[in-house]
C-alpha atoms as a PDB file:
ATOM      1  CA  MET A   1     -35.622 -24.281   1.119  1.00  0.00           C
ATOM      2  CA  THR A   2     -34.832 -23.090   4.617  1.00  0.00           C
ATOM      3  CA  ASN A   3     -35.829 -20.234   6.421  1.00  0.00           C
ATOM      4  CA  ALA A   4     -32.774 -18.867   5.825  1.00  0.00           C
ATOM      5  CA  ILE A   5     -33.179 -18.853   2.241  1.00  0.00           C
ATOM      6  CA  HIS A   6     -36.388 -17.629   1.970  1.00  0.00           C
ATOM      7  CA  SER A   7     -35.310 -14.724   3.989  1.00  0.00           C
ATOM      8  CA  GLU A   8     -32.421 -13.931   1.897  1.00  0.00           C
ATOM      9  CA  ALA A   9     -35.049 -14.725  -0.691  1.00  0.00           C
ATOM     10  CA  ASP A  10     -37.261 -11.670   0.612  1.00  0.00           C
ATOM     11  CA  VAL A  11     -34.484  -9.150  -0.224  1.00  0.00           C
ATOM     12  CA  LEU A  12     -35.609  -9.447  -3.838  1.00  0.00           C
ATOM     13  CA  TYR A  13     -39.400  -7.977  -2.831  1.00  0.00           C
ATOM     14  CA  ARG A  14     -37.863  -5.216  -0.497  1.00  0.00           C
ATOM     15  CA  LEU A  15     -35.943  -4.171  -3.117  1.00  0.00           C
ATOM     16  CA  ALA A  16     -38.879  -3.970  -5.704  1.00  0.00           C
ATOM     17  CA  ASP A  17     -40.696  -2.160  -3.010  1.00  0.00           C
ATOM     18  CA  THR A  18     -38.119   0.594  -2.441  1.00  0.00           C
ATOM     19  CA  LEU A  19     -37.564   0.936  -6.347  1.00  0.00           C
ATOM     20  CA  ALA A  20     -41.204   1.733  -7.158  1.00  0.00           C
ATOM     21  CA  THR A  21     -40.539   4.505  -4.278  1.00  0.00           C
ATOM     22  CA  ARG A  22     -38.104   5.546  -6.333  1.00  0.00           C
ATOM     23  CA  LEU A  23     -39.771   5.823  -9.866  1.00  0.00           C
ATOM     24  CA  PRO A  24     -40.371   9.683 -10.881  1.00  0.00           C
ATOM     25  CA  GLU A  25     -44.442   9.067 -10.675  1.00  0.00           C
ATOM     26  CA  ASN A  26     -43.646   8.254  -7.195  1.00  0.00           C
ATOM     27  CA  GLY A  27     -41.458  11.351  -6.181  1.00  0.00           C
ATOM     28  CA  GLY A  28     -38.295   9.322  -6.895  1.00  0.00           C
ATOM     29  CA  ASP A  29     -35.434  12.047  -6.674  1.00  0.00           C
ATOM     30  CA  PRO A  30     -32.931  11.567  -9.004  1.00  0.00           C
ATOM     31  CA  LYS A  31     -30.583  14.238  -7.090  1.00  0.00           C
ATOM     32  CA  SER A  32     -30.277  11.588  -3.996  1.00  0.00           C
ATOM     33  CA  SER A  33     -30.985   8.174  -5.285  1.00  0.00           C
ATOM     34  CA  TYR A  34     -29.044   6.148  -8.128  1.00  0.00           C
ATOM     35  CA  SER A  35     -32.296   4.195  -8.709  1.00  0.00           C
ATOM     36  CA  ALA A  36     -34.543   7.460  -8.818  1.00  0.00           C
ATOM     37  CA  GLY A  37     -31.574   8.960 -11.604  1.00  0.00           C
ATOM     38  CA  LEU A  38     -31.610   5.329 -13.702  1.00  0.00           C
ATOM     39  CA  LEU A  39     -35.533   5.606 -13.721  1.00  0.00           C
ATOM     40  CA  ALA A  40     -35.821   9.227 -14.296  1.00  0.00           C
ATOM     41  CA  LYS A  41     -33.267   9.267 -17.577  1.00  0.00           C
ATOM     42  CA  GLY A  42     -35.753   5.874 -18.972  1.00  0.00           C
ATOM     43  CA  PRO A  43     -34.649   2.563 -20.631  1.00  0.00           C
ATOM     44  CA  ASP A  44     -31.904   3.711 -22.968  1.00  0.00           C
ATOM     45  CA  ALA A  45     -29.513   4.255 -18.981  1.00  0.00           C
ATOM     46  CA  PHE A  46     -30.837   1.053 -17.549  1.00  0.00           C
ATOM     47  CA  LEU A  47     -30.424  -1.015 -20.232  1.00  0.00           C
ATOM     48  CA  LYS A  48     -26.925  -0.265 -20.968  1.00  0.00           C
ATOM     49  CA  LYS A  49     -26.138  -0.633 -17.173  1.00  0.00           C
ATOM     50  CA  ILE A  50     -27.319  -4.319 -18.101  1.00  0.00           C
ATOM     51  CA  GLY A  51     -25.440  -4.905 -20.356  1.00  0.00           C
ATOM     52  CA  GLU A  52     -22.037  -3.674 -19.055  1.00  0.00           C
ATOM     53  CA  GLU A  53     -23.697  -5.640 -15.485  1.00  0.00           C
ATOM     54  CA  ALA A  54     -23.735  -8.881 -17.691  1.00  0.00           C
ATOM     55  CA  THR A  55     -20.200  -8.124 -19.728  1.00  0.00           C
ATOM     56  CA  GLU A  56     -18.335  -7.666 -16.145  1.00  0.00           C
ATOM     57  CA  LEU A  57     -20.374 -10.967 -15.232  1.00  0.00           C
ATOM     58  CA  VAL A  58     -18.935 -13.028 -17.918  1.00  0.00           C
ATOM     59  CA  MET A  59     -15.686 -11.566 -17.694  1.00  0.00           C
ATOM     60  CA  ALA A  60     -15.650 -12.817 -14.143  1.00  0.00           C
ATOM     61  CA  ALA A  61     -16.511 -16.430 -15.188  1.00  0.00           C
ATOM     62  CA  LYS A  62     -14.068 -16.871 -17.685  1.00  0.00           C
ATOM     63  CA  ASP A  63     -11.796 -15.684 -15.115  1.00  0.00           C
ATOM     64  CA  ASN A  64     -13.113 -18.406 -12.496  1.00  0.00           C
ATOM     65  CA  ALA A  65     -13.545 -15.490  -9.856  1.00  0.00           C
ATOM     66  CA  PRO A  66     -16.439 -16.841  -7.277  1.00  0.00           C
ATOM     67  CA  ASP A  67     -16.374 -13.966  -5.901  1.00  0.00           C
ATOM     68  CA  ARG A  68     -16.607 -11.495  -8.746  1.00  0.00           C
ATOM     69  CA  ILE A  69     -19.092 -13.589  -9.946  1.00  0.00           C
ATOM     70  CA  VAL A  70     -21.490 -13.142  -6.757  1.00  0.00           C
ATOM     71  CA  TYR A  71     -20.592  -9.304  -7.133  1.00  0.00           C
ATOM     72  CA  GLU A  72     -20.950  -8.988 -11.101  1.00  0.00           C
ATOM     73  CA  MET A  73     -24.635 -11.266 -10.414  1.00  0.00           C
ATOM     74  CA  ALA A  74     -25.898  -8.897  -7.479  1.00  0.00           C
ATOM     75  CA  ASP A  75     -25.299  -6.022  -9.556  1.00  0.00           C
ATOM     76  CA  LEU A  76     -26.910  -7.598 -12.827  1.00  0.00           C
ATOM     77  CA  TRP A  77     -29.617  -8.683 -10.506  1.00  0.00           C
ATOM     78  CA  PHE A  78     -30.425  -5.189  -9.316  1.00  0.00           C
ATOM     79  CA  HIS A  79     -30.207  -3.391 -12.585  1.00  0.00           C
ATOM     80  CA  SER A  80     -32.946  -6.077 -13.910  1.00  0.00           C
ATOM     81  CA  LEU A  81     -35.026  -4.918 -10.923  1.00  0.00           C
ATOM     82  CA  VAL A  82     -34.538  -1.215 -11.690  1.00  0.00           C
ATOM     83  CA  THR A  83     -36.037  -2.612 -15.329  1.00  0.00           C
ATOM     84  CA  LEU A  84     -39.024  -4.427 -13.529  1.00  0.00           C
ATOM     85  CA  ALA A  85     -40.169  -1.584 -11.707  1.00  0.00           C
ATOM     86  CA  HIS A  86     -39.876   1.133 -14.895  1.00  0.00           C
ATOM     87  CA  TYR A  87     -42.324  -1.814 -16.810  1.00  0.00           C
ATOM     88  CA  LYS A  88     -44.184  -2.081 -13.660  1.00  0.00           C
ATOM     89  CA  LEU A  89     -43.698  -5.637 -13.218  1.00  0.00           C
ATOM     90  CA  ARG A  90     -42.448  -7.456 -10.115  1.00  0.00           C
ATOM     91  CA  PRO A  91     -40.046 -10.089  -9.237  1.00  0.00           C
ATOM     92  CA  GLU A  92     -43.020 -12.541  -8.427  1.00  0.00           C
ATOM     93  CA  ASP A  93     -43.621 -11.932 -12.447  1.00  0.00           C
ATOM     94  CA  VAL A  94     -40.507 -13.433 -13.270  1.00  0.00           C
ATOM     95  CA  LEU A  95     -40.478 -16.341 -10.633  1.00  0.00           C
ATOM     96  CA  ARG A  96     -43.912 -17.066 -11.732  1.00  0.00           C
ATOM     97  CA  GLU A  97     -42.561 -17.608 -15.365  1.00  0.00           C
ATOM     98  CA  LEU A  98     -39.628 -19.747 -13.792  1.00  0.00           C
ATOM     99  CA  ALA A  99     -41.936 -22.353 -11.798  1.00  0.00           C
ATOM    100  CA  ARG A 100     -44.187 -22.362 -14.876  1.00  0.00           C
ATOM    101  CA  ARG A 101     -40.885 -23.634 -16.531  1.00  0.00           C
ATOM    102  CA  GLU A 102     -39.995 -26.265 -13.711  1.00  0.00           C
ATOM    103  CA  GLY A 103     -39.663 -29.669 -14.927  1.00  0.00           C
ATOM    104  CA  MET A 104     -39.682 -28.867 -18.568  1.00  0.00           C
ATOM    105  CA  SER A 105     -37.197 -29.425 -20.531  1.00  0.00           C
ATOM    106  CA  GLY A 106     -35.253 -26.453 -21.974  1.00  0.00           C
ATOM    107  CA  LEU A 107     -35.951 -27.885 -25.340  1.00  0.00           C
ATOM    108  CA  ALA A 108     -39.597 -28.208 -25.026  1.00  0.00           C
ATOM    109  CA  GLU A 109     -39.693 -24.991 -22.997  1.00  0.00           C
ATOM    110  CA  LYS A 110     -38.221 -23.329 -26.299  1.00  0.00           C
ATOM    111  CA  ALA A 111     -40.001 -24.836 -28.835  1.00  0.00           C
ATOM    112  CA  SER A 112     -42.890 -23.596 -27.137  1.00  0.00           C
ATOM    113  CA  ARG A 113     -42.109 -20.137 -27.984  1.00  0.00           C
ATOM    114  CA  GLY A 114     -42.471 -20.886 -31.812  1.00  0.00           C
ATOM    115  CA  ASN A 115     -39.939 -18.675 -33.447  1.00  0.00           C
ATOM    116  CA  SER A 116     -40.289 -15.797 -30.988  1.00  0.00           C
ATOM    117  CA  LYS A 117     -36.764 -16.459 -29.481  1.00  0.00           C
END
């Protein structure tokens, strides 16, 4: 990975740090922050947004619209980060799981989970 890519990837960590400050227990103000509002409303609010953003991403991909794909993926990732913050998880947790799977056949990985998915 180039340094520029590392620098751009750091945005996930910075967003996670910001989202942690938006949690209700950390004084997040729903009146002044969209993220704090979602977190204050609880899982139903941000999980609904994940569903909406995933659908919009699918539609952008079906329309073969690269700019919209990137835009909708950014929305999906953002709302996924909100979810991680709510559950006191970090992007690093997801990246560790992806690293664990790296080089593993997708079929083998799925079989390793048994009937859980």
